[in-house]
PDB file of all heavy atoms in Angstrom:
ATOM      1  N   GLU A   1       0.804  -1.228  -0.029  1.00  0.00           N
ATOM      2  CA  GLU A   1       0.052   0.012  -0.045  1.00  0.00           C
ATOM      3  C   GLU A   1       0.865   1.314  -0.007  1.00  0.00           C
ATOM      4  O   GLU A   1       1.848   1.321   0.776  1.00  0.00           O
ATOM      5  CB  GLU A   1      -0.920  -0.028   1.229  1.00  0.00           C
ATOM      6  CG  GLU A   1      -1.840   1.215   1.252  1.00  0.00           C
ATOM      7  CD  GLU A   1      -2.838   1.117   2.455  1.00  0.00           C
ATOM      8  OE1 GLU A   1      -2.315   0.976   3.525  1.00  0.00           O
ATOM      9  OE2 GLU A   1      -4.059   1.180   2.247  1.00  0.00           O
ATOM     10  N   GLY A   2       0.560   2.203  -0.856  1.00  0.00           N
ATOM     11  CA  GLY A   2       1.221   3.381  -0.983  1.00  0.00           C
ATOM     12  C   GLY A   2       2.584   3.373  -1.726  1.00  0.00           C
ATOM     13  O   GLY A   2       3.222   4.378  -1.891  1.00  0.00           O
ATOM     14  N   ALA A   3       3.002   2.180  -2.197  1.00  0.00           N
ATOM     15  CA  ALA A   3       4.246   2.096  -2.888  1.00  0.00           C
ATOM     16  C   ALA A   3       3.889   1.954  -4.424  1.00  0.00           C
ATOM     17  O   ALA A   3       2.942   1.367  -4.752  1.00  0.00           O
ATOM     18  CB  ALA A   3       5.035   0.921  -2.397  1.00  0.00           C
ATOM     19  N   PRO A   4       4.773   2.524  -5.246  1.00  0.00           N
ATOM     20  CA  PRO A   4       4.552   2.334  -6.693  1.00  0.00           C
ATOM     21  C   PRO A   4       4.640   0.882  -7.070  1.00  0.00           C
ATOM     22  O   PRO A   4       5.433   0.135  -6.416  1.00  0.00           O
ATOM     23  CB  PRO A   4       5.582   3.177  -7.353  1.00  0.00           C
ATOM     24  CG  PRO A   4       6.644   3.491  -6.286  1.00  0.00           C
ATOM     25  CD  PRO A   4       5.905   3.317  -4.956  1.00  0.00           C
ATOM     26  N   LYS A   5       3.895   0.411  -8.062  1.00  0.00           N
ATOM     27  CA  LYS A   5       4.055  -0.971  -8.457  1.00  0.00           C
ATOM     28  C   LYS A   5       5.427  -1.118  -9.063  1.00  0.00           C
ATOM     29  O   LYS A   5       5.834  -0.414  -9.880  1.00  0.00           O
ATOM     30  CB  LYS A   5       2.933  -1.216  -9.488  1.00  0.00           C
ATOM     31  CG  LYS A   5       2.924  -2.677  -9.854  1.00  0.00           C
ATOM     32  CD  LYS A   5       1.681  -3.035 -10.710  1.00  0.00           C
ATOM     33  CE  LYS A   5       1.765  -4.439 -11.138  1.00  0.00           C
ATOM     34  NZ  LYS A   5       0.722  -5.258 -10.857  1.00  0.00           N
ATOM     35  N   PRO A   6       6.032  -2.181  -8.620  1.00  0.00           N
ATOM     36  CA  PRO A   6       7.438  -2.380  -9.148  1.00  0.00           C
ATOM     37  C   PRO A   6       7.452  -2.816 -10.522  1.00  0.00           C
ATOM     38  O   PRO A   6       6.510  -3.418 -11.042  1.00  0.00           O
ATOM     39  CB  PRO A   6       8.006  -3.550  -8.212  1.00  0.00           C
ATOM     40  CG  PRO A   6       6.778  -4.248  -7.681  1.00  0.00           C
ATOM     41  CD  PRO A   6       5.655  -3.149  -7.640  1.00  0.00           C
ATOM     42  N   ASP A   7       8.510  -2.640 -11.252  1.00  0.00           N
ATOM     43  CA  ASP A   7       8.798  -3.114 -12.596  1.00  0.00           C
ATOM     44  C   ASP A   7       8.915  -4.627 -12.497  1.00  0.00           C
ATOM     45  O   ASP A   7       9.823  -5.067 -11.680  1.00  0.00           O
ATOM     46  CB  ASP A   7       9.988  -2.516 -13.267  1.00  0.00           C
ATOM     47  CG  ASP A   7       9.780  -0.987 -13.475  1.00  0.00           C
ATOM     48  OD1 ASP A   7       8.641  -0.589 -13.619  1.00  0.00           O
ATOM     49  OD2 ASP A   7      10.842  -0.348 -13.509  1.00  0.00           O
ATOM     50  N   GLY A   8       8.185  -5.370 -13.131  1.00  0.00           N
ATOM     51  CA  GLY A   8       8.272  -6.762 -13.045  1.00  0.00           C
ATOM     52  C   GLY A   8       7.532  -7.379 -11.840  1.00  0.00           C
ATOM     53  O   GLY A   8       7.088  -6.590 -10.931  1.00  0.00           O
ATOM     54  N   PRO A   9       7.415  -8.695 -11.770  1.00  0.00           N
ATOM     55  CA  PRO A   9       6.595  -9.335 -10.600  1.00  0.00           C
ATOM     56  C   PRO A   9       7.432  -9.199  -9.319  1.00  0.00           C
ATOM     57  O   PRO A   9       8.577  -9.303  -9.244  1.00  0.00           O
ATOM     58  CB  PRO A   9       6.395 -10.734 -11.123  1.00  0.00           C
ATOM     59  CG  PRO A   9       7.558 -10.931 -12.073  1.00  0.00           C
ATOM     60  CD  PRO A   9       7.935  -9.572 -12.749  1.00  0.00           C
ATOM     61  N   THR A  10       6.708  -9.059  -8.301  1.00  0.00           N
ATOM     62  CA  THR A  10       7.256  -9.228  -6.903  1.00  0.00           C
ATOM     63  C   THR A  10       6.554 -10.388  -6.302  1.00  0.00           C
ATOM     64  O   THR A  10       5.285 -10.392  -6.163  1.00  0.00           O
ATOM     65  CB  THR A  10       6.859  -8.010  -6.051  1.00  0.00           C
ATOM     66  OG1 THR A  10       7.445  -6.829  -6.702  1.00  0.00           O
ATOM     67  CG2 THR A  10       7.511  -8.135  -4.648  1.00  0.00           C
ATOM     68  N   ARG A  11       7.274 -11.514  -6.184  1.00  0.00           N
ATOM     69  CA  ARG A  11       6.702 -12.727  -5.788  1.00  0.00           C
ATOM     70  C   ARG A  11       7.005 -12.997  -4.267  1.00  0.00           C
ATOM     71  O   ARG A  11       7.939 -12.499  -3.774  1.00  0.00           O
ATOM     72  CB  ARG A  11       7.262 -13.941  -6.678  1.00  0.00           C
ATOM     73  CG  ARG A  11       7.127 -13.716  -8.190  1.00  0.00           C
ATOM     74  CD  ARG A  11       5.626 -13.893  -8.543  1.00  0.00           C
ATOM     75  NE  ARG A  11       5.578 -13.723  -9.993  1.00  0.00           N
ATOM     76  CZ  ARG A  11       4.508 -13.902 -10.654  1.00  0.00           C
ATOM     77  NH1 ARG A  11       3.428 -14.192 -10.066  1.00  0.00           N
ATOM     78  NH2 ARG A  11       4.474 -13.736 -11.915  1.00  0.00           N
ATOM     79  N   TYR A  12       6.215 -13.920  -3.759  1.00  0.00           N
ATOM     80  CA  TYR A  12       6.601 -14.386  -2.320  1.00  0.00           C
ATOM     81  C   TYR A  12       6.128 -15.776  -2.191  1.00  0.00           C
ATOM     82  O   TYR A  12       5.427 -16.401  -2.884  1.00  0.00           O
ATOM     83  CB  TYR A  12       5.729 -13.485  -1.455  1.00  0.00           C
ATOM     84  CG  TYR A  12       4.253 -13.792  -1.439  1.00  0.00           C
ATOM     85  CD1 TYR A  12       3.711 -14.610  -0.426  1.00  0.00           C
ATOM     86  CD2 TYR A  12       3.435 -13.112  -2.310  1.00  0.00           C
ATOM     87  CE1 TYR A  12       2.343 -14.848  -0.442  1.00  0.00           C
ATOM     88  CE2 TYR A  12       2.080 -13.440  -2.305  1.00  0.00           C
ATOM     89  CZ  TYR A  12       1.591 -14.249  -1.430  1.00  0.00           C
ATOM     90  OH  TYR A  12       0.192 -14.508  -1.409  1.00  0.00           O
ATOM     91  N   ASP A  13       6.777 -16.369  -1.169  1.00  0.00           N
ATOM     92  CA  ASP A  13       6.415 -17.755  -0.740  1.00  0.00           C
ATOM     93  C   ASP A  13       5.829 -17.536   0.686  1.00  0.00           C
ATOM     94  O   ASP A  13       6.433 -16.805   1.498  1.00  0.00           O
ATOM     95  CB  ASP A  13       7.641 -18.686  -0.671  1.00  0.00           C
ATOM     96  CG  ASP A  13       8.153 -19.052  -2.032  1.00  0.00           C
ATOM     97  OD1 ASP A  13       7.221 -19.315  -2.887  1.00  0.00           O
ATOM     98  OD2 ASP A  13       9.310 -18.995  -2.268  1.00  0.00           O
ATOM     99  N   GLY A  14       4.826 -18.190   0.980  1.00  0.00           N
ATOM    100  CA  GLY A  14       4.229 -18.126   2.311  1.00  0.00           C
ATOM    101  C   GLY A  14       3.302 -19.258   2.508  1.00  0.00           C
ATOM    102  O   GLY A  14       3.080 -20.013   1.713  1.00  0.00           O
ATOM    103  N   GLY A  15       2.769 -19.302   3.702  1.00  0.00           N
ATOM    104  CA  GLY A  15       1.780 -20.263   4.092  1.00  0.00           C
ATOM    105  C   GLY A  15       1.008 -19.843   5.332  1.00  0.00           C
ATOM    106  O   GLY A  15       1.421 -18.866   5.954  1.00  0.00           O
ATOM    107  N   GLY A  16      -0.069 -20.532   5.601  1.00  0.00           N
ATOM    108  CA  GLY A  16      -0.903 -20.219   6.757  1.00  0.00           C
ATOM    109  C   GLY A  16      -0.403 -20.805   8.006  1.00  0.00           C
ATOM    110  O   GLY A  16      -0.086 -22.003   7.991  1.00  0.00           O
ATOM    111  N   VAL A  17      -0.287 -20.054   9.041  1.00  0.00           N
ATOM    112  CA  VAL A  17       0.069 -20.657  10.301  1.00  0.00           C
ATOM    113  C   VAL A  17      -0.740 -20.012  11.366  1.00  0.00           C
ATOM    114  O   VAL A  17      -1.489 -18.955  11.131  1.00  0.00           O
ATOM    115  CB  VAL A  17       1.642 -20.378  10.795  1.00  0.00           C
ATOM    116  CG1 VAL A  17       2.534 -20.996   9.660  1.00  0.00           C
ATOM    117  CG2 VAL A  17       1.898 -18.933  10.864  1.00  0.00           C
ATOM    118  N   GLY A  18      -0.933 -20.662  12.547  1.00  0.00           N
ATOM    119  CA  GLY A  18      -1.764 -20.100  13.625  1.00  0.00           C
ATOM    120  C   GLY A  18      -1.021 -19.700  14.830  1.00  0.00           C
ATOM    121  O   GLY A  18       0.180 -19.746  14.871  1.00  0.00           O
ATOM    122  N   PRO A  19      -1.823 -19.367  15.884  1.00  0.00           N
ATOM    123  CA  PRO A  19      -1.220 -19.013  17.153  1.00  0.00           C
ATOM    124  C   PRO A  19      -0.275 -20.150  17.664  1.00  0.00           C
ATOM    125  O   PRO A  19      -0.568 -21.320  17.569  1.00  0.00           O
ATOM    126  CB  PRO A  19      -2.404 -18.866  18.091  1.00  0.00           C
ATOM    127  CG  PRO A  19      -3.615 -18.523  17.119  1.00  0.00           C
ATOM    128  CD  PRO A  19      -3.226 -19.349  15.865  1.00  0.00           C
ATOM    129  N   GLY A  20       0.888 -19.680  18.132  1.00  0.00           N
ATOM    130  CA  GLY A  20       1.817 -20.660  18.739  1.00  0.00           C
ATOM    131  C   GLY A  20       2.843 -21.192  17.787  1.00  0.00           C
ATOM    132  O   GLY A  20       3.884 -21.818  18.278  1.00  0.00           O
ATOM    133  N   PHE A  21       2.708 -20.872  16.516  1.00  0.00           N
ATOM    134  CA  PHE A  21       3.629 -21.457  15.485  1.00  0.00           C
ATOM    135  C   PHE A  21       5.107 -21.023  15.621  1.00  0.00           C
ATOM    136  O   PHE A  21       5.991 -21.793  15.741  1.00  0.00           O
ATOM    137  CB  PHE A  21       3.126 -21.068  14.066  1.00  0.00           C
ATOM    138  CG  PHE A  21       4.021 -21.586  12.929  1.00  0.00           C
ATOM    139  CD1 PHE A  21       3.973 -22.893  12.449  1.00  0.00           C
ATOM    140  CD2 PHE A  21       4.977 -20.739  12.395  1.00  0.00           C
ATOM    141  CE1 PHE A  21       4.765 -23.368  11.492  1.00  0.00           C
ATOM    142  CE2 PHE A  21       5.826 -21.226  11.347  1.00  0.00           C
ATOM    143  CZ  PHE A  21       5.695 -22.484  10.934  1.00  0.00           C
ATOM    144  N   PHE A  22       5.287 -19.624  15.771  1.00  0.00           N
ATOM    145  CA  PHE A  22       6.590 -19.122  15.920  1.00  0.00           C
ATOM    146  C   PHE A  22       7.242 -19.544  17.222  1.00  0.00           C
ATOM    147  O   PHE A  22       8.497 -19.799  17.302  1.00  0.00           O
ATOM    148  CB  PHE A  22       6.631 -17.648  15.737  1.00  0.00           C
ATOM    149  CG  PHE A  22       6.073 -17.196  14.342  1.00  0.00           C
ATOM    150  CD1 PHE A  22       4.855 -16.546  14.285  1.00  0.00           C
ATOM    151  CD2 PHE A  22       6.776 -17.516  13.226  1.00  0.00           C
ATOM    152  CE1 PHE A  22       4.390 -16.268  13.067  1.00  0.00           C
ATOM    153  CE2 PHE A  22       6.243 -17.163  11.952  1.00  0.00           C
ATOM    154  CZ  PHE A  22       5.068 -16.483  11.882  1.00  0.00           C
ATOM    155  N   GLU A  23       6.445 -19.568  18.308  1.00  0.00           N
ATOM    156  CA  GLU A  23       6.978 -19.938  19.593  1.00  0.00           C
ATOM    157  C   GLU A  23       7.381 -21.478  19.552  1.00  0.00           C
ATOM    158  O   GLU A  23       8.468 -21.783  20.094  1.00  0.00           O
ATOM    159  CB  GLU A  23       5.861 -19.854  20.735  1.00  0.00           C
ATOM    160  CG  GLU A  23       5.548 -18.374  20.906  1.00  0.00           C
ATOM    161  CD  GLU A  23       4.525 -17.787  19.987  1.00  0.00           C
ATOM    162  OE1 GLU A  23       4.113 -18.493  19.024  1.00  0.00           O
ATOM    163  OE2 GLU A  23       4.080 -16.584  20.123  1.00  0.00           O
ATOM    164  N   ALA A  24       6.600 -22.322  18.957  1.00  0.00           N
ATOM    165  CA  ALA A  24       6.949 -23.670  18.940  1.00  0.00           C
ATOM    166  C   ALA A  24       8.272 -23.929  18.149  1.00  0.00           C
ATOM    167  O   ALA A  24       8.968 -24.861  18.501  1.00  0.00           O
ATOM    168  CB  ALA A  24       5.772 -24.512  18.217  1.00  0.00           C
ATOM    169  N   LEU A  25       8.497 -23.139  17.124  1.00  0.00           N
ATOM    170  CA  LEU A  25       9.698 -23.371  16.284  1.00  0.00           C
ATOM    171  C   LEU A  25      10.864 -22.483  16.914  1.00  0.00           C
ATOM    172  O   LEU A  25      11.983 -22.450  16.322  1.00  0.00           O
ATOM    173  CB  LEU A  25       9.522 -22.944  14.811  1.00  0.00           C
ATOM    174  CG  LEU A  25       8.554 -23.949  14.076  1.00  0.00           C
ATOM    175  CD1 LEU A  25       8.403 -23.554  12.709  1.00  0.00           C
ATOM    176  CD2 LEU A  25       9.015 -25.387  14.182  1.00  0.00           C
ATOM    177  N   ARG A  26      10.584 -21.737  17.982  1.00  0.00           N
ATOM    178  CA  ARG A  26      11.533 -20.742  18.631  1.00  0.00           C
ATOM    179  C   ARG A  26      12.094 -19.705  17.611  1.00  0.00           C
ATOM    180  O   ARG A  26      13.237 -19.429  17.564  1.00  0.00           O
ATOM    181  CB  ARG A  26      12.654 -21.586  19.233  1.00  0.00           C
ATOM    182  CG  ARG A  26      12.159 -22.514  20.353  1.00  0.00           C
ATOM    183  CD  ARG A  26      13.208 -23.207  21.073  1.00  0.00           C
ATOM    184  NE  ARG A  26      12.610 -24.000  22.120  1.00  0.00           N
ATOM    185  CZ  ARG A  26      13.190 -25.042  22.704  1.00  0.00           C
ATOM    186  NH1 ARG A  26      14.400 -25.357  22.356  1.00  0.00           N
ATOM    187  NH2 ARG A  26      12.542 -25.649  23.684  1.00  0.00           N
ATOM    188  N   VAL A  27      11.192 -19.300  16.841  1.00  0.00           N
ATOM    189  CA  VAL A  27      11.509 -18.178  15.954  1.00  0.00           C
ATOM    190  C   VAL A  27      11.266 -16.800  16.663  1.00  0.00           C
ATOM    191  O   VAL A  27      10.146 -16.571  16.973  1.00  0.00           O
ATOM    192  CB  VAL A  27      10.588 -18.205  14.595  1.00  0.00           C
ATOM    193  CG1 VAL A  27      10.933 -17.026  13.771  1.00  0.00           C
ATOM    194  CG2 VAL A  27      10.840 -19.482  13.879  1.00  0.00           C
ATOM    195  N   PRO A  28      12.314 -16.057  16.967  1.00  0.00           N
ATOM    196  CA  PRO A  28      12.199 -14.819  17.702  1.00  0.00           C
ATOM    197  C   PRO A  28      11.317 -13.778  17.033  1.00  0.00           C
ATOM    198  O   PRO A  28      11.350 -13.597  15.875  1.00  0.00           O
ATOM    199  CB  PRO A  28      13.529 -14.327  17.921  1.00  0.00           C
ATOM    200  CG  PRO A  28      14.459 -15.420  17.496  1.00  0.00           C
ATOM    201  CD  PRO A  28      13.689 -16.295  16.530  1.00  0.00           C
ATOM    202  N   MET A  29      10.456 -13.139  17.817  1.00  0.00           N
ATOM    203  CA  MET A  29       9.664 -11.964  17.363  1.00  0.00           C
ATOM    204  C   MET A  29      10.558 -10.777  17.536  1.00  0.00           C
ATOM    205  O   MET A  29      11.130 -10.528  18.573  1.00  0.00           O
ATOM    206  CB  MET A  29       8.445 -11.849  18.270  1.00  0.00           C
ATOM    207  CG  MET A  29       7.385 -10.884  17.775  1.00  0.00           C
ATOM    208  SD  MET A  29       6.650 -11.405  16.195  1.00  0.00           S
ATOM    209  CE  MET A  29       5.941 -12.940  16.493  1.00  0.00           C
ATOM    210  N   VAL A  30      10.757 -10.138  16.439  1.00  0.00           N
ATOM    211  CA  VAL A  30      11.586  -8.873  16.338  1.00  0.00           C
ATOM    212  C   VAL A  30      10.791  -7.657  16.733  1.00  0.00           C
ATOM    213  O   VAL A  30      11.292  -6.758  17.454  1.00  0.00           O
ATOM    214  CB  VAL A  30      12.214  -8.763  14.943  1.00  0.00           C
ATOM    215  CG1 VAL A  30      12.964  -7.440  14.840  1.00  0.00           C
ATOM    216  CG2 VAL A  30      13.129  -9.857  14.611  1.00  0.00           C
ATOM    217  N   GLU A  31       9.492  -7.663  16.339  1.00  0.00           N
ATOM    218  CA  GLU A  31       8.706  -6.436  16.594  1.00  0.00           C
ATOM    219  C   GLU A  31       7.252  -6.927  16.414  1.00  0.00           C
ATOM    220  O   GLU A  31       6.926  -7.778  15.753  1.00  0.00           O
ATOM    221  CB  GLU A  31       8.987  -5.366  15.511  1.00  0.00           C
ATOM    222  CG  GLU A  31       8.273  -4.076  15.617  1.00  0.00           C
ATOM    223  CD  GLU A  31       8.526  -3.083  14.582  1.00  0.00           C
ATOM    224  OE1 GLU A  31       9.224  -3.383  13.597  1.00  0.00           O
ATOM    225  OE2 GLU A  31       8.267  -1.891  14.862  1.00  0.00           O
ATOM    226  N   GLY A  32       6.436  -6.232  17.260  1.00  0.00           N
ATOM    227  CA  GLY A  32       5.037  -6.619  17.213  1.00  0.00           C
ATOM    228  C   GLY A  32       4.635  -7.919  17.916  1.00  0.00           C
ATOM    229  O   GLY A  32       5.213  -8.210  18.934  1.00  0.00           O
ATOM    230  N   ARG A  33       3.784  -8.645  17.337  1.00  0.00           N
ATOM    231  CA  ARG A  33       3.250  -9.864  17.957  1.00  0.00           C
ATOM    232  C   ARG A  33       3.088 -11.016  16.997  1.00  0.00           C
ATOM    233  O   ARG A  33       3.033 -10.728  15.697  1.00  0.00           O
ATOM    234  CB  ARG A  33       1.861  -9.580  18.657  1.00  0.00           C
ATOM    235  CG  ARG A  33       0.725  -9.177  17.639  1.00  0.00           C
ATOM    236  CD  ARG A  33      -0.585  -9.161  18.331  1.00  0.00           C
ATOM    237  NE  ARG A  33      -1.691  -8.714  17.409  1.00  0.00           N
ATOM    238  CZ  ARG A  33      -2.324  -9.564  16.660  1.00  0.00           C
ATOM    239  NH1 ARG A  33      -2.110 -10.865  16.597  1.00  0.00           N
ATOM    240  NH2 ARG A  33      -3.300  -9.079  15.972  1.00  0.00           N
ATOM    241  N   GLY A  34       2.957 -12.148  17.448  1.00  0.00           N
ATOM    242  CA  GLY A  34       2.543 -13.295  16.629  1.00  0.00           C
ATOM    243  C   GLY A  34       1.044 -13.399  16.518  1.00  0.00           C
ATOM    244  O   GLY A  34       0.350 -12.434  16.902  1.00  0.00           O
ATOM    245  N   PHE A  35       0.611 -14.442  15.905  1.00  0.00           N
ATOM    246  CA  PHE A  35      -0.812 -14.647  15.754  1.00  0.00           C
ATOM    247  C   PHE A  35      -1.525 -14.923  17.025  1.00  0.00           C
ATOM    248  O   PHE A  35      -0.903 -15.664  17.921  1.00  0.00           O
ATOM    249  CB  PHE A  35      -1.089 -15.697  14.675  1.00  0.00           C
ATOM    250  CG  PHE A  35      -0.668 -15.312  13.272  1.00  0.00           C
ATOM    251  CD1 PHE A  35       0.440 -15.967  12.677  1.00  0.00           C
ATOM    252  CD2 PHE A  35      -1.272 -14.290  12.622  1.00  0.00           C
ATOM    253  CE1 PHE A  35       0.885 -15.672  11.530  1.00  0.00           C
ATOM    254  CE2 PHE A  35      -0.827 -13.925  11.321  1.00  0.00           C
ATOM    255  CZ  PHE A  35       0.238 -14.607  10.751  1.00  0.00           C
ATOM    256  N   VAL A  36      -2.770 -14.468  17.167  1.00  0.00           N
ATOM    257  CA  VAL A  36      -3.560 -14.792  18.364  1.00  0.00           C
ATOM    258  C   VAL A  36      -4.906 -15.440  17.886  1.00  0.00           C
ATOM    259  O   VAL A  36      -5.255 -15.380  16.668  1.00  0.00           O
ATOM    260  CB  VAL A  36      -3.865 -13.549  19.249  1.00  0.00           C
ATOM    261  CG1 VAL A  36      -2.565 -13.062  19.865  1.00  0.00           C
ATOM    262  CG2 VAL A  36      -4.564 -12.450  18.457  1.00  0.00           C
TER     263      VAL A  36
END
């Protein structure tokens, strides 16, 4: 939002996860919060 559309595709890989996912894998939260 608010950014010009980039030249060429901007692709991503992702998946759905729920509450507790990052904690279970011990992935540190840098800022904000995980899912609730």
